[in-house]
Amino acid sequence: MQAQATSATADGYYEEAVLRHVLNWQPTILRLCDLIRELARDPREFGHRDGVREAVRDLIKVGLLHRQGECVLPTPAAVHVRGWEL
């Protein structure tokens, strides 16, 4: 399962799902645990939970998400790009 999550993350699956979810909930501020719960529904699927965590970390690195403690927020750049409907 872990290999599948890593592979899917590399392909952008989790990044896209996480960013879309955070932007759809805007202006509500989500916590990381909320994202994991909502995007990795089955608690037995550790690979999916790890995939969500990795996606958040990767999106922070590229400047599309910001994390303040447990809260995950879209950056102004992410909100701006959302308007382009990529």
N, C-alpha and C. Protein backbone atom coordinates (compact mmCIF):
# COMPACT_ATOMS: atom_id res chain seq x y z
N MET A 1 0.83 -1.20 0.00
CA MET A 1 0.00 0.00 0.00
C MET A 1 0.87 1.25 0.00
N GLN A 2 1.95 1.25 0.76
CA GLN A 2 2.82 2.42 0.83
C GLN A 2 3.39 2.76 -0.54
N ALA A 3 3.80 1.75 -1.29
CA ALA A 3 4.36 1.99 -2.62
C ALA A 3 3.33 2.63 -3.53
N GLN A 4 2.07 2.20 -3.41
CA GLN A 4 1.02 2.79 -4.24
C GLN A 4 0.82 4.25 -3.89
N ALA A 5 0.84 4.58 -2.61
CA ALA A 5 0.64 5.98 -2.19
C ALA A 5 1.77 6.85 -2.70
N THR A 6 3.00 6.36 -2.60
CA THR A 6 4.14 7.13 -3.07
C THR A 6 4.06 7.33 -4.57
N SER A 7 3.68 6.28 -5.29
CA SER A 7 3.56 6.37 -6.74
C SER A 7 2.46 7.36 -7.13
N ALA A 8 1.33 7.27 -6.44
CA ALA A 8 0.22 8.18 -6.75
C ALA A 8 0.59 9.61 -6.43
N THR A 9 1.33 9.81 -5.34
CA THR A 9 1.75 11.16 -4.98
C THR A 9 2.67 11.71 -6.04
N ALA A 10 3.58 10.88 -6.53
CA ALA A 10 4.50 11.32 -7.57
C ALA A 10 3.76 11.74 -8.82
N ASP A 11 2.65 11.10 -9.11
CA ASP A 11 1.87 11.42 -10.29
C ASP A 11 0.98 12.65 -10.09
N GLY A 12 0.94 13.17 -8.88
CA GLY A 12 0.15 14.37 -8.63
C GLY A 12 -1.27 14.12 -8.17
N TYR A 13 -1.64 12.86 -8.00
CA TYR A 13 -3.02 12.54 -7.61
C TYR A 13 -3.39 13.19 -6.28
N TYR A 14 -2.59 12.94 -5.25
CA TYR A 14 -2.90 13.48 -3.94
C TYR A 14 -2.76 14.99 -3.91
N GLU A 15 -1.75 15.52 -4.58
CA GLU A 15 -1.57 16.97 -4.58
C GLU A 15 -2.81 17.65 -5.15
N GLU A 16 -3.29 17.14 -6.27
CA GLU A 16 -4.48 17.73 -6.89
C GLU A 16 -5.69 17.62 -5.98
N ALA A 17 -5.88 16.45 -5.38
CA ALA A 17 -7.04 16.23 -4.50
C ALA A 17 -6.98 17.14 -3.28
N VAL A 18 -5.80 17.26 -2.67
CA VAL A 18 -5.65 18.10 -1.48
C VAL A 18 -5.88 19.57 -1.82
N LEU A 19 -5.24 20.04 -2.88
CA LEU A 19 -5.38 21.45 -3.24
C LEU A 19 -6.82 21.78 -3.61
N ARG A 20 -7.45 20.93 -4.38
CA ARG A 20 -8.85 21.14 -4.76
C ARG A 20 -9.74 21.19 -3.52
N HIS A 21 -9.51 20.27 -2.57
CA HIS A 21 -10.32 20.20 -1.35
C HIS A 21 -10.15 21.47 -0.51
N VAL A 22 -8.92 21.89 -0.32
CA VAL A 22 -8.66 23.09 0.47
C VAL A 22 -9.28 24.31 -0.19
N LEU A 23 -9.15 24.43 -1.49
CA LEU A 23 -9.72 25.59 -2.19
C LEU A 23 -11.25 25.56 -2.18
N ASN A 24 -11.83 24.38 -2.28
CA ASN A 24 -13.30 24.28 -2.25
C ASN A 24 -13.87 24.66 -0.90
N TRP A 25 -13.10 24.43 0.17
CA TRP A 25 -13.57 24.76 1.51
C TRP A 25 -13.28 26.20 1.90
N GLN A 26 -12.54 26.92 1.09
CA GLN A 26 -12.18 28.29 1.41
C GLN A 26 -13.44 29.14 1.54
N PRO A 27 -13.60 30.00 2.48
CA PRO A 27 -12.61 30.54 3.41
C PRO A 27 -12.49 29.74 4.71
N THR A 28 -13.13 28.58 4.82
CA THR A 28 -12.99 27.76 6.01
C THR A 28 -11.56 27.27 6.13
N ILE A 29 -11.01 27.35 7.32
CA ILE A 29 -9.66 26.87 7.57
C ILE A 29 -9.73 25.42 8.02
N LEU A 30 -9.04 24.56 7.31
CA LEU A 30 -9.02 23.15 7.64
C LEU A 30 -7.77 22.78 8.42
N ARG A 31 -7.90 21.82 9.30
CA ARG A 31 -6.74 21.26 9.99
C ARG A 31 -6.24 20.06 9.19
N LEU A 32 -4.97 19.74 9.37
CA LEU A 32 -4.39 18.60 8.68
C LEU A 32 -5.16 17.33 9.00
N CYS A 33 -5.56 17.14 10.26
CA CYS A 33 -6.30 15.93 10.62
C CYS A 33 -7.66 15.88 9.90
N ASP A 34 -8.28 17.05 9.65
CA ASP A 34 -9.53 17.09 8.89
C ASP A 34 -9.31 16.65 7.45
N LEU A 35 -8.24 17.17 6.85
CA LEU A 35 -7.91 16.77 5.47
C LEU A 35 -7.71 15.27 5.36
N ILE A 36 -6.94 14.73 6.29
CA ILE A 36 -6.67 13.29 6.26
C ILE A 36 -7.96 12.51 6.43
N ARG A 37 -8.78 12.91 7.38
CA ARG A 37 -10.05 12.22 7.63
C ARG A 37 -10.97 12.28 6.40
N GLU A 38 -11.04 13.42 5.76
CA GLU A 38 -11.96 13.59 4.64
C GLU A 38 -11.45 12.98 3.34
N LEU A 39 -10.14 12.97 3.15
CA LEU A 39 -9.59 12.45 1.89
C LEU A 39 -9.14 11.00 1.98
N ALA A 40 -8.89 10.51 3.15
CA ALA A 40 -8.51 9.10 3.35
C ALA A 40 -9.57 8.48 4.25
N ARG A 41 -10.70 8.19 3.68
CA ARG A 41 -11.88 7.78 4.45
C ARG A 41 -11.68 6.52 5.28
N ASP A 42 -10.99 5.52 4.75
CA ASP A 42 -10.80 4.26 5.44
C ASP A 42 -9.57 4.34 6.34
N PRO A 43 -9.73 4.30 7.66
CA PRO A 43 -8.59 4.46 8.57
C PRO A 43 -7.55 3.35 8.44
N ARG A 44 -7.91 2.24 7.81
CA ARG A 44 -6.96 1.14 7.62
C ARG A 44 -6.01 1.42 6.47
N GLU A 45 -6.31 2.38 5.65
CA GLU A 45 -5.50 2.68 4.46
C GLU A 45 -4.43 3.70 4.82
N PHE A 46 -3.39 3.22 5.47
CA PHE A 46 -2.31 4.11 5.92
C PHE A 46 -1.62 4.78 4.74
N GLY A 47 -1.54 4.10 3.61
CA GLY A 47 -0.90 4.69 2.44
C GLY A 47 -1.61 5.94 1.99
N HIS A 48 -2.93 5.94 2.06
CA HIS A 48 -3.69 7.12 1.66
C HIS A 48 -3.45 8.26 2.64
N ARG A 49 -3.39 7.94 3.92
CA ARG A 49 -3.13 8.99 4.93
C ARG A 49 -1.75 9.58 4.72
N ASP A 50 -0.78 8.71 4.48
CA ASP A 50 0.58 9.19 4.22
C ASP A 50 0.63 10.00 2.93
N GLY A 51 -0.15 9.58 1.94
CA GLY A 51 -0.20 10.32 0.68
C GLY A 51 -0.73 11.72 0.85
N VAL A 52 -1.74 11.88 1.70
CA VAL A 52 -2.29 13.21 1.98
C VAL A 52 -1.24 14.06 2.69
N ARG A 53 -0.56 13.48 3.69
CA ARG A 53 0.49 14.22 4.41
C ARG A 53 1.61 14.66 3.46
N GLU A 54 2.04 13.74 2.60
CA GLU A 54 3.10 14.07 1.64
C GLU A 54 2.65 15.14 0.66
N ALA A 55 1.40 15.07 0.23
CA ALA A 55 0.88 16.06 -0.70
C ALA A 55 0.87 17.44 -0.06
N VAL A 56 0.45 17.53 1.20
CA VAL A 56 0.45 18.81 1.90
C VAL A 56 1.88 19.34 1.98
N ARG A 57 2.81 18.47 2.36
CA ARG A 57 4.22 18.88 2.45
C ARG A 57 4.73 19.38 1.09
N ASP A 58 4.41 18.65 0.02
CA ASP A 58 4.88 19.03 -1.31
C ASP A 58 4.24 20.34 -1.78
N LEU A 59 2.96 20.53 -1.49
CA LEU A 59 2.27 21.76 -1.89
C LEU A 59 2.80 22.97 -1.11
N ILE A 60 3.22 22.74 0.12
CA ILE A 60 3.85 23.82 0.89
C ILE A 60 5.18 24.19 0.25
N LYS A 61 5.96 23.18 -0.16
CA LYS A 61 7.26 23.42 -0.77
C LYS A 61 7.16 24.26 -2.03
N VAL A 62 6.10 24.06 -2.82
CA VAL A 62 5.98 24.80 -4.08
C VAL A 62 5.18 26.09 -3.92
N GLY A 63 4.76 26.40 -2.70
CA GLY A 63 4.11 27.68 -2.44
C GLY A 63 2.62 27.75 -2.71
N LEU A 64 1.94 26.60 -2.72
CA LEU A 64 0.50 26.62 -2.95
C LEU A 64 -0.31 26.46 -1.67
N LEU A 65 0.32 25.93 -0.63
CA LEU A 65 -0.33 25.82 0.68
C LEU A 65 0.59 26.43 1.73
N HIS A 66 -0.04 26.83 2.82
CA HIS A 66 0.68 27.35 3.98
C HIS A 66 0.14 26.60 5.18
N ARG A 67 1.03 26.24 6.08
CA ARG A 67 0.60 25.54 7.29
C ARG A 67 0.99 26.37 8.51
N GLN A 68 0.00 26.64 9.34
CA GLN A 68 0.21 27.36 10.60
C GLN A 68 -0.26 26.43 11.70
N GLY A 69 0.70 25.76 12.36
CA GLY A 69 0.33 24.76 13.37
C GLY A 69 -0.37 23.60 12.68
N GLU A 70 -1.58 23.31 13.10
CA GLU A 70 -2.36 22.23 12.48
C GLU A 70 -3.22 22.74 11.31
N CYS A 71 -3.30 24.04 11.13
CA CYS A 71 -4.16 24.62 10.08
C CYS A 71 -3.45 24.64 8.73
N VAL A 72 -4.21 24.28 7.70
CA VAL A 72 -3.69 24.28 6.33
C VAL A 72 -4.51 25.28 5.52
N LEU A 73 -3.81 26.24 4.91
CA LEU A 73 -4.47 27.31 4.16
C LEU A 73 -3.89 27.41 2.76
N PRO A 74 -4.71 27.82 1.80
CA PRO A 74 -4.16 28.07 0.47
C PRO A 74 -3.40 29.40 0.47
N THR A 75 -2.35 29.48 -0.29
CA THR A 75 -1.62 30.74 -0.42
C THR A 75 -2.36 31.64 -1.41
N PRO A 76 -2.05 32.93 -1.43
CA PRO A 76 -2.66 33.81 -2.43
C PRO A 76 -2.40 33.31 -3.86
N ALA A 77 -1.25 32.73 -4.10
CA ALA A 77 -0.94 32.21 -5.44
C ALA A 77 -1.92 31.10 -5.82
N ALA A 78 -2.21 30.21 -4.89
CA ALA A 78 -3.14 29.10 -5.18
C ALA A 78 -4.54 29.64 -5.47
N VAL A 79 -4.97 30.62 -4.71
CA VAL A 79 -6.29 31.20 -4.92
C VAL A 79 -6.34 31.89 -6.28
N HIS A 80 -5.28 32.58 -6.63
CA HIS A 80 -5.21 33.26 -7.92
C HIS A 80 -5.26 32.27 -9.08
N VAL A 81 -4.47 31.22 -8.98
CA VAL A 81 -4.42 30.21 -10.05
C VAL A 81 -5.75 29.48 -10.17
N ARG A 82 -6.46 29.32 -9.06
CA ARG A 82 -7.76 28.64 -9.11
C ARG A 82 -8.71 29.34 -10.08
N GLY A 83 -8.60 30.65 -10.15
CA GLY A 83 -9.44 31.42 -11.06
C GLY A 83 -9.17 31.11 -12.52
N TRP A 84 -8.02 30.50 -12.82
CA TRP A 84 -7.69 30.15 -14.19
C TRP A 84 -8.35 28.84 -14.62
N GLU A 85 -8.90 28.10 -13.66
CA GLU A 85 -9.53 26.80 -13.93
C GLU A 85 -8.63 25.88 -14.73
N LEU A 86 -7.45 25.64 -14.18
CA LEU A 86 -6.48 24.76 -14.84
C LEU A 86 -6.92 23.33 -14.83
